[in-house]
Amino acid sequence: MGREPDEAIYAALANQSLRRPFAPVERSLADALDAIFARGEHDFDTVAKALQAAGVERPSGQAGPWTVQVLDEELMRVNASLDEVYAQRA
């Protein structure tokens, strides 16, 4: 029979390409997105509304409601930051 999965290994692999840890506000957004997607939501308008309803803070620190455009901008900003660190340490 097969081996039981080693949760520590999976946890380590989940972040293997990160060259820096998520900031707490980035982690909160990631956790919120995981929960929203786990509920089967995939429409970004619905996702933005769910982030707004949950009171999730924007990683940029900017105030205002979550919209599809804001979600796109925030994700692009976080990804650009991670890419920059990755490029510097590759």
PDB file of N, CA and C in Angstrom:
ATOM      1  N   MET A   1       0.835  -1.185   0.000  1.00  0.00           N
ATOM      2  CA  MET A   1       0.000   0.000   0.000  1.00  0.00           C
ATOM      3  C   MET A   1       0.875   1.242   0.000  1.00  0.00           C
ATOM      4  N   GLY A   2       0.285   2.364  -0.371  1.00  0.00           N
ATOM      5  CA  GLY A   2       1.018   3.621  -0.467  1.00  0.00           C
ATOM      6  C   GLY A   2       1.292   4.242   0.886  1.00  0.00           C
ATOM      7  N   ARG A   3       2.268   5.096   0.899  1.00  0.00           N
ATOM      8  CA  ARG A   3       2.633   5.843   2.095  1.00  0.00           C
ATOM      9  C   ARG A   3       1.674   6.987   2.320  1.00  0.00           C
ATOM     10  N   GLU A   4       1.469   7.334   3.569  1.00  0.00           N
ATOM     11  CA  GLU A   4       0.697   8.530   3.896  1.00  0.00           C
ATOM     12  C   GLU A   4       1.530   9.751   3.508  1.00  0.00           C
ATOM     13  N   PRO A   5       0.904  10.775   2.960  1.00  0.00           N
ATOM     14  CA  PRO A   5       1.671  11.967   2.568  1.00  0.00           C
ATOM     15  C   PRO A   5       2.276  12.660   3.781  1.00  0.00           C
ATOM     16  N   ASP A   6       3.471  13.160   3.594  1.00  0.00           N
ATOM     17  CA  ASP A   6       4.157  13.892   4.649  1.00  0.00           C
ATOM     18  C   ASP A   6       3.763  15.364   4.526  1.00  0.00           C
ATOM     19  N   GLU A   7       2.918  15.841   5.419  1.00  0.00           N
ATOM     20  CA  GLU A   7       2.401  17.204   5.340  1.00  0.00           C
ATOM     21  C   GLU A   7       3.513  18.242   5.391  1.00  0.00           C
ATOM     22  N   ALA A   8       4.592  17.980   6.105  1.00  0.00           N
ATOM     23  CA  ALA A   8       5.697  18.936   6.187  1.00  0.00           C
ATOM     24  C   ALA A   8       6.355  19.117   4.816  1.00  0.00           C
ATOM     25  N   ILE A   9       6.470  18.024   4.085  1.00  0.00           N
ATOM     26  CA  ILE A   9       7.070  18.104   2.744  1.00  0.00           C
ATOM     27  C   ILE A   9       6.173  18.928   1.832  1.00  0.00           C
ATOM     28  N   TYR A  10       4.876  18.657   1.870  1.00  0.00           N
ATOM     29  CA  TYR A  10       3.942  19.419   1.032  1.00  0.00           C
ATOM     30  C   TYR A  10       3.942  20.893   1.405  1.00  0.00           C
ATOM     31  N   ALA A  11       4.020  21.179   2.672  1.00  0.00           N
ATOM     32  CA  ALA A  11       4.053  22.575   3.113  1.00  0.00           C
ATOM     33  C   ALA A  11       5.305  23.268   2.583  1.00  0.00           C
ATOM     34  N   ALA A  12       6.440  22.588   2.615  1.00  0.00           N
ATOM     35  CA  ALA A  12       7.685  23.170   2.120  1.00  0.00           C
ATOM     36  C   ALA A  12       7.641  23.363   0.603  1.00  0.00           C
ATOM     37  N   LEU A  13       7.092  22.396  -0.099  1.00  0.00           N
ATOM     38  CA  LEU A  13       7.016  22.498  -1.556  1.00  0.00           C
ATOM     39  C   LEU A  13       6.079  23.608  -2.008  1.00  0.00           C
ATOM     40  N   ALA A  14       5.068  23.897  -1.227  1.00  0.00           N
ATOM     41  CA  ALA A  14       4.093  24.920  -1.607  1.00  0.00           C
ATOM     42  C   ALA A  14       4.744  26.286  -1.787  1.00  0.00           C
ATOM     43  N   ASN A  15       5.853  26.514  -1.110  1.00  0.00           N
ATOM     44  CA  ASN A  15       6.527  27.813  -1.174  1.00  0.00           C
ATOM     45  C   ASN A  15       7.952  27.719  -1.700  1.00  0.00           C
ATOM     46  N   GLN A  16       8.265  26.650  -2.411  1.00  0.00           N
ATOM     47  CA  GLN A  16       9.650  26.428  -2.811  1.00  0.00           C
ATOM     48  C   GLN A  16      10.200  27.504  -3.733  1.00  0.00           C
ATOM     49  N   SER A  17       9.357  28.159  -4.496  1.00  0.00           N
ATOM     50  CA  SER A  17       9.868  29.173  -5.416  1.00  0.00           C
ATOM     51  C   SER A  17       9.919  30.565  -4.797  1.00  0.00           C
ATOM     52  N   LEU A  18       9.434  30.726  -3.587  1.00  0.00           N
ATOM     53  CA  LEU A  18       9.489  32.033  -2.935  1.00  0.00           C
ATOM     54  C   LEU A  18      10.907  32.320  -2.461  1.00  0.00           C
ATOM     55  N   ARG A  19      11.367  33.534  -2.704  1.00  0.00           N
ATOM     56  CA  ARG A  19      12.694  33.934  -2.234  1.00  0.00           C
ATOM     57  C   ARG A  19      12.579  34.839  -1.012  1.00  0.00           C
ATOM     58  N   ARG A  20      11.340  35.106  -0.619  1.00  0.00           N
ATOM     59  CA  ARG A  20      11.085  35.827   0.619  1.00  0.00           C
ATOM     60  C   ARG A  20       9.731  35.373   1.129  1.00  0.00           C
ATOM     61  N   PRO A  21       9.536  35.418   2.419  1.00  0.00           N
ATOM     62  CA  PRO A  21       8.212  35.034   2.925  1.00  0.00           C
ATOM     63  C   PRO A  21       7.179  36.095   2.554  1.00  0.00           C
ATOM     64  N   PHE A  22       5.940  35.681   2.496  1.00  0.00           N
ATOM     65  CA  PHE A  22       4.863  36.655   2.313  1.00  0.00           C
ATOM     66  C   PHE A  22       4.827  37.594   3.505  1.00  0.00           C
ATOM     67  N   ALA A  23       4.542  38.856   3.242  1.00  0.00           N
ATOM     68  CA  ALA A  23       4.256  39.793   4.323  1.00  0.00           C
ATOM     69  C   ALA A  23       2.922  39.352   4.945  1.00  0.00           C
ATOM     70  N   PRO A  24       2.684  39.670   6.210  1.00  0.00           N
ATOM     71  CA  PRO A  24       1.436  39.238   6.845  1.00  0.00           C
ATOM     72  C   PRO A  24       0.184  39.635   6.054  1.00  0.00           C
ATOM     73  N   VAL A  25       0.168  40.823   5.478  1.00  0.00           N
ATOM     74  CA  VAL A  25      -1.008  41.256   4.713  1.00  0.00           C
ATOM     75  C   VAL A  25      -1.132  40.465   3.402  1.00  0.00           C
ATOM     76  N   GLU A  26      -0.007  40.070   2.819  1.00  0.00           N
ATOM     77  CA  GLU A  26      -0.038  39.217   1.633  1.00  0.00           C
ATOM     78  C   GLU A  26      -0.551  37.832   1.980  1.00  0.00           C
ATOM     79  N   ARG A  27      -0.109  37.322   3.126  1.00  0.00           N
ATOM     80  CA  ARG A  27      -0.562  36.003   3.588  1.00  0.00           C
ATOM     81  C   ARG A  27      -2.065  36.034   3.850  1.00  0.00           C
ATOM     82  N   SER A  28      -2.562  37.123   4.434  1.00  0.00           N
ATOM     83  CA  SER A  28      -4.006  37.239   4.686  1.00  0.00           C
ATOM     84  C   SER A  28      -4.790  37.211   3.377  1.00  0.00           C
ATOM     85  N   LEU A  29      -4.293  37.925   2.372  1.00  0.00           N
ATOM     86  CA  LEU A  29      -4.958  37.914   1.072  1.00  0.00           C
ATOM     87  C   LEU A  29      -4.913  36.512   0.469  1.00  0.00           C
ATOM     88  N   ALA A  30      -3.766  35.866   0.510  1.00  0.00           N
ATOM     89  CA  ALA A  30      -3.636  34.518  -0.048  1.00  0.00           C
ATOM     90  C   ALA A  30      -4.581  33.544   0.646  1.00  0.00           C
ATOM     91  N   ASP A  31      -4.657  33.622   1.968  1.00  0.00           N
ATOM     92  CA  ASP A  31      -5.554  32.740   2.716  1.00  0.00           C
ATOM     93  C   ASP A  31      -7.015  33.003   2.362  1.00  0.00           C
ATOM     94  N   ALA A  32      -7.362  34.285   2.231  1.00  0.00           N
ATOM     95  CA  ALA A  32      -8.732  34.640   1.863  1.00  0.00           C
ATOM     96  C   ALA A  32      -9.058  34.123   0.462  1.00  0.00           C
ATOM     97  N   LEU A  33      -8.130  34.292  -0.470  1.00  0.00           N
ATOM     98  CA  LEU A  33      -8.355  33.794  -1.827  1.00  0.00           C
ATOM     99  C   LEU A  33      -8.492  32.273  -1.843  1.00  0.00           C
ATOM    100  N   ASP A  34      -7.661  31.582  -1.079  1.00  0.00           N
ATOM    101  CA  ASP A  34      -7.773  30.119  -0.991  1.00  0.00           C
ATOM    102  C   ASP A  34      -9.163  29.720  -0.513  1.00  0.00           C
ATOM    103  N   ALA A  35      -9.649  30.393   0.519  1.00  0.00           N
ATOM    104  CA  ALA A  35     -10.967  30.066   1.076  1.00  0.00           C
ATOM    105  C   ALA A  35     -12.084  30.353   0.063  1.00  0.00           C
ATOM    106  N   ILE A  36     -11.974  31.464  -0.637  1.00  0.00           N
ATOM    107  CA  ILE A  36     -12.989  31.833  -1.632  1.00  0.00           C
ATOM    108  C   ILE A  36     -12.996  30.833  -2.784  1.00  0.00           C
ATOM    109  N   PHE A  37     -11.814  30.498  -3.295  1.00  0.00           N
ATOM    110  CA  PHE A  37     -11.737  29.538  -4.394  1.00  0.00           C
ATOM    111  C   PHE A  37     -12.195  28.152  -3.948  1.00  0.00           C
ATOM    112  N   ALA A  38     -11.925  27.794  -2.695  1.00  0.00           N
ATOM    113  CA  ALA A  38     -12.352  26.486  -2.168  1.00  0.00           C
ATOM    114  C   ALA A  38     -13.876  26.373  -2.126  1.00  0.00           C
ATOM    115  N   ARG A  39     -14.551  27.503  -2.030  1.00  0.00           N
ATOM    116  CA  ARG A  39     -16.028  27.509  -2.051  1.00  0.00           C
ATOM    117  C   ARG A  39     -16.565  27.388  -3.477  1.00  0.00           C
ATOM    118  N   GLY A  40     -15.665  27.354  -4.444  1.00  0.00           N
ATOM    119  CA  GLY A  40     -16.074  27.199  -5.829  1.00  0.00           C
ATOM    120  C   GLY A  40     -16.261  28.504  -6.578  1.00  0.00           C
ATOM    121  N   GLU A  41     -15.888  29.606  -5.951  1.00  0.00           N
ATOM    122  CA  GLU A  41     -16.008  30.906  -6.619  1.00  0.00           C
ATOM    123  C   GLU A  41     -14.812  31.110  -7.536  1.00  0.00           C
ATOM    124  N   HIS A  42     -15.077  31.479  -8.764  1.00  0.00           N
ATOM    125  CA  HIS A  42     -13.989  31.718  -9.710  1.00  0.00           C
ATOM    126  C   HIS A  42     -14.190  33.000 -10.508  1.00  0.00           C
ATOM    127  N   ASP A  43     -15.366  33.562 -10.454  1.00  0.00           N
ATOM    128  CA  ASP A  43     -15.648  34.823 -11.119  1.00  0.00           C
ATOM    129  C   ASP A  43     -14.992  35.942 -10.313  1.00  0.00           C
ATOM    130  N   PHE A  44     -14.127  36.732 -10.951  1.00  0.00           N
ATOM    131  CA  PHE A  44     -13.357  37.722 -10.200  1.00  0.00           C
ATOM    132  C   PHE A  44     -14.225  38.816  -9.593  1.00  0.00           C
ATOM    133  N   ASP A  45     -15.361  39.115 -10.179  1.00  0.00           N
ATOM    134  CA  ASP A  45     -16.259  40.081  -9.562  1.00  0.00           C
ATOM    135  C   ASP A  45     -16.776  39.538  -8.233  1.00  0.00           C
ATOM    136  N   THR A  46     -17.145  38.271  -8.219  1.00  0.00           N
ATOM    137  CA  THR A  46     -17.606  37.622  -6.984  1.00  0.00           C
ATOM    138  C   THR A  46     -16.468  37.527  -5.977  1.00  0.00           C
ATOM    139  N   VAL A  47     -15.279  37.224  -6.452  1.00  0.00           N
ATOM    140  CA  VAL A  47     -14.107  37.143  -5.567  1.00  0.00           C
ATOM    141  C   VAL A  47     -13.837  38.502  -4.926  1.00  0.00           C
ATOM    142  N   ALA A  48     -13.868  39.562  -5.707  1.00  0.00           N
ATOM    143  CA  ALA A  48     -13.631  40.911  -5.171  1.00  0.00           C
ATOM    144  C   ALA A  48     -14.687  41.267  -4.124  1.00  0.00           C
ATOM    145  N   LYS A  49     -15.934  40.939  -4.398  1.00  0.00           N
ATOM    146  CA  LYS A  49     -17.011  41.210  -3.433  1.00  0.00           C
ATOM    147  C   LYS A  49     -16.817  40.407  -2.148  1.00  0.00           C
ATOM    148  N   ALA A  50     -16.343  39.174  -2.270  1.00  0.00           N
ATOM    149  CA  ALA A  50     -16.089  38.347  -1.085  1.00  0.00           C
ATOM    150  C   ALA A  50     -14.935  38.916  -0.262  1.00  0.00           C
ATOM    151  N   LEU A  51     -13.897  39.407  -0.917  1.00  0.00           N
ATOM    152  CA  LEU A  51     -12.785  40.042  -0.199  1.00  0.00           C
ATOM    153  C   LEU A  51     -13.279  41.277   0.547  1.00  0.00           C
ATOM    154  N   GLN A  52     -14.128  42.048  -0.115  1.00  0.00           N
ATOM    155  CA  GLN A  52     -14.689  43.247   0.503  1.00  0.00           C
ATOM    156  C   GLN A  52     -15.550  42.871   1.715  1.00  0.00           C
ATOM    157  N   ALA A  53     -16.413  41.880   1.547  1.00  0.00           N
ATOM    158  CA  ALA A  53     -17.294  41.455   2.635  1.00  0.00           C
ATOM    159  C   ALA A  53     -16.513  40.920   3.829  1.00  0.00           C
ATOM    160  N   ALA A  54     -15.374  40.279   3.547  1.00  0.00           N
ATOM    161  CA  ALA A  54     -14.546  39.718   4.619  1.00  0.00           C
ATOM    162  C   ALA A  54     -13.640  40.760   5.268  1.00  0.00           C
ATOM    163  N   GLY A  55     -13.588  41.962   4.697  1.00  0.00           N
ATOM    164  CA  GLY A  55     -12.747  43.011   5.267  1.00  0.00           C
ATOM    165  C   GLY A  55     -11.267  42.780   5.081  1.00  0.00           C
ATOM    166  N   VAL A  56     -10.896  42.095   4.010  1.00  0.00           N
ATOM    167  CA  VAL A  56      -9.483  41.805   3.746  1.00  0.00           C
ATOM    168  C   VAL A  56      -8.772  43.099   3.364  1.00  0.00           C
ATOM    169  N   GLU A  57      -7.652  43.338   4.018  1.00  0.00           N
ATOM    170  CA  GLU A  57      -6.842  44.532   3.753  1.00  0.00           C
ATOM    171  C   GLU A  57      -6.056  44.350   2.459  1.00  0.00           C
ATOM    172  N   ARG A  58      -5.881  45.433   1.730  1.00  0.00           N
ATOM    173  CA  ARG A  58      -5.076  45.396   0.512  1.00  0.00           C
ATOM    174  C   ARG A  58      -3.590  45.366   0.879  1.00  0.00           C
ATOM    175  N   PRO A  59      -2.792  44.515   0.209  1.00  0.00           N
ATOM    176  CA  PRO A  59      -1.354  44.499   0.477  1.00  0.00           C
ATOM    177  C   PRO A  59      -0.682  45.853   0.236  1.00  0.00           C
ATOM    178  N   SER A  60      -1.208  46.658  -0.676  1.00  0.00           N
ATOM    179  CA  SER A  60      -0.616  47.965  -0.955  1.00  0.00           C
ATOM    180  C   SER A  60      -0.853  48.961   0.172  1.00  0.00           C
ATOM    181  N   GLY A  61      -1.810  48.670   1.034  1.00  0.00           N
ATOM    182  CA  GLY A  61      -2.153  49.592   2.111  1.00  0.00           C
ATOM    183  C   GLY A  61      -3.145  50.658   1.697  1.00  0.00           C
ATOM    184  N   GLN A  62      -3.507  50.676   0.413  1.00  0.00           N
ATOM    185  CA  GLN A  62      -4.471  51.657  -0.065  1.00  0.00           C
ATOM    186  C   GLN A  62      -5.860  51.326   0.468  1.00  0.00           C
ATOM    187  N   ALA A  63      -6.661  52.359   0.655  1.00  0.00           N
ATOM    188  CA  ALA A  63      -8.025  52.192   1.143  1.00  0.00           C
ATOM    189  C   ALA A  63      -8.987  52.170  -0.036  1.00  0.00           C
ATOM    190  N   GLY A  64     -10.161  51.672   0.217  1.00  0.00           N
ATOM    191  CA  GLY A  64     -11.202  51.646  -0.797  1.00  0.00           C
ATOM    192  C   GLY A  64     -11.716  50.243  -1.002  1.00  0.00           C
ATOM    193  N   PRO A  65     -12.817  50.140  -1.713  1.00  0.00           N
ATOM    194  CA  PRO A  65     -13.433  48.829  -1.908  1.00  0.00           C
ATOM    195  C   PRO A  65     -12.639  47.942  -2.873  1.00  0.00           C
ATOM    196  N   TRP A  66     -12.783  46.641  -2.673  1.00  0.00           N
ATOM    197  CA  TRP A  66     -12.224  45.676  -3.600  1.00  0.00           C
ATOM    198  C   TRP A  66     -13.094  45.660  -4.856  1.00  0.00           C
ATOM    199  N   THR A  67     -12.455  45.742  -6.000  1.00  0.00           N
ATOM    200  CA  THR A  67     -13.106  45.596  -7.298  1.00  0.00           C
ATOM    201  C   THR A  67     -12.243  44.646  -8.119  1.00  0.00           C
ATOM    202  N   VAL A  68     -12.718  44.262  -9.264  1.00  0.00           N
ATOM    203  CA  VAL A  68     -11.914  43.407 -10.148  1.00  0.00           C
ATOM    204  C   VAL A  68     -10.613  44.122 -10.514  1.00  0.00           C
ATOM    205  N   GLN A  69     -10.700  45.407 -10.820  1.00  0.00           N
ATOM    206  CA  GLN A  69      -9.495  46.163 -11.181  1.00  0.00           C
ATOM    207  C   GLN A  69      -8.524  46.224 -10.006  1.00  0.00           C
ATOM    208  N   VAL A  70      -9.029  46.475  -8.813  1.00  0.00           N
ATOM    209  CA  VAL A  70      -8.178  46.537  -7.625  1.00  0.00           C
ATOM    210  C   VAL A  70      -7.539  45.177  -7.370  1.00  0.00           C
ATOM    211  N   LEU A  71      -8.308  44.109  -7.483  1.00  0.00           N
ATOM    212  CA  LEU A  71      -7.769  42.763  -7.282  1.00  0.00           C
ATOM    213  C   LEU A  71      -6.640  42.502  -8.268  1.00  0.00           C
ATOM    214  N   ASP A  72      -6.856  42.839  -9.526  1.00  0.00           N
ATOM    215  CA  ASP A  72      -5.826  42.659 -10.547  1.00  0.00           C
ATOM    216  C   ASP A  72      -4.572  43.467 -10.206  1.00  0.00           C
ATOM    217  N   GLU A  73      -4.751  44.731  -9.818  1.00  0.00           N
ATOM    218  CA  GLU A  73      -3.610  45.585  -9.481  1.00  0.00           C
ATOM    219  C   GLU A  73      -2.851  45.056  -8.265  1.00  0.00           C
ATOM    220  N   GLU A  74      -3.575  44.618  -7.248  1.00  0.00           N
ATOM    221  CA  GLU A  74      -2.920  44.110  -6.041  1.00  0.00           C
ATOM    222  C   GLU A  74      -2.141  42.825  -6.333  1.00  0.00           C
ATOM    223  N   LEU A  75      -2.747  41.921  -7.103  1.00  0.00           N
ATOM    224  CA  LEU A  75      -2.047  40.678  -7.437  1.00  0.00           C
ATOM    225  C   LEU A  75      -0.823  40.949  -8.301  1.00  0.00           C
ATOM    226  N   MET A  76      -0.944  41.881  -9.242  1.00  0.00           N
ATOM    227  CA  MET A  76       0.207  42.235 -10.077  1.00  0.00           C
ATOM    228  C   MET A  76       1.317  42.849  -9.235  1.00  0.00           C
ATOM    229  N   ARG A  77       0.957  43.679  -8.266  1.00  0.00           N
ATOM    230  CA  ARG A  77       1.949  44.330  -7.403  1.00  0.00           C
ATOM    231  C   ARG A  77       2.688  43.275  -6.552  1.00  0.00           C
ATOM    232  N   VAL A  78       1.942  42.366  -5.959  1.00  0.00           N
ATOM    233  CA  VAL A  78       2.577  41.316  -5.149  1.00  0.00           C
ATOM    234  C   VAL A  78       3.470  40.448  -6.022  1.00  0.00           C
ATOM    235  N   ASN A  79       2.969  40.036  -7.184  1.00  0.00           N
ATOM    236  CA  ASN A  79       3.776  39.196  -8.073  1.00  0.00           C
ATOM    237  C   ASN A  79       5.034  39.906  -8.544  1.00  0.00           C
ATOM    238  N   ALA A  80       4.922  41.188  -8.854  1.00  0.00           N
ATOM    239  CA  ALA A  80       6.102  41.950  -9.281  1.00  0.00           C
ATOM    240  C   ALA A  80       7.142  42.009  -8.166  1.00  0.00           C
ATOM    241  N   SER A  81       6.678  42.176  -6.945  1.00  0.00           N
ATOM    242  CA  SER A  81       7.588  42.214  -5.802  1.00  0.00           C
ATOM    243  C   SER A  81       8.293  40.870  -5.618  1.00  0.00           C
ATOM    244  N   LEU A  82       7.546  39.794  -5.733  1.00  0.00           N
ATOM    245  CA  LEU A  82       8.146  38.460  -5.603  1.00  0.00           C
ATOM    246  C   LEU A  82       9.104  38.187  -6.754  1.00  0.00           C
ATOM    247  N   ASP A  83       8.728  38.595  -7.972  1.00  0.00           N
ATOM    248  CA  ASP A  83       9.610  38.409  -9.132  1.00  0.00           C
ATOM    249  C   ASP A  83      10.912  39.177  -8.973  1.00  0.00           C
ATOM    250  N   GLU A  84      10.822  40.389  -8.443  1.00  0.00           N
ATOM    251  CA  GLU A  84      12.021  41.217  -8.252  1.00  0.00           C
ATOM    252  C   GLU A  84      12.994  40.547  -7.291  1.00  0.00           C
ATOM    253  N   VAL A  85      12.478  40.059  -6.184  1.00  0.00           N
ATOM    254  CA  VAL A  85      13.330  39.382  -5.204  1.00  0.00           C
ATOM    255  C   VAL A  85      13.916  38.102  -5.811  1.00  0.00           C
ATOM    256  N   TYR A  86      13.098  37.376  -6.548  1.00  0.00           N
ATOM    257  CA  TYR A  86      13.559  36.149  -7.183  1.00  0.00           C
ATOM    258  C   TYR A  86      14.706  36.442  -8.154  1.00  0.00           C
ATOM    259  N   ALA A  87      14.544  37.482  -8.964  1.00  0.00           N
ATOM    260  CA  ALA A  87      15.574  37.847  -9.939  1.00  0.00           C
ATOM    261  C   ALA A  87      16.888  38.257  -9.262  1.00  0.00           C
ATOM    262  N   GLN A  88      16.780  38.918  -8.133  1.00  0.00           N
ATOM    263  CA  GLN A  88      17.962  39.358  -7.405  1.00  0.00           C
ATOM    264  C   GLN A  88      18.703  38.202  -6.755  1.00  0.00           C
ATOM    265  N   ARG A  89      17.971  37.161  -6.409  1.00  0.00           N
ATOM    266  CA  ARG A  89      18.587  36.053  -5.665  1.00  0.00           C
ATOM    267  C   ARG A  89      18.703  34.765  -6.466  1.00  0.00           C
ATOM    268  N   ALA A  90      18.354  34.801  -7.724  1.00  0.00           N
ATOM    269  CA  ALA A  90      18.369  33.580  -8.547  1.00  0.00           C
ATOM    270  C   ALA A  90      19.759  33.069  -8.767  1.00  0.00           C
TER     271      ALA A  90
END
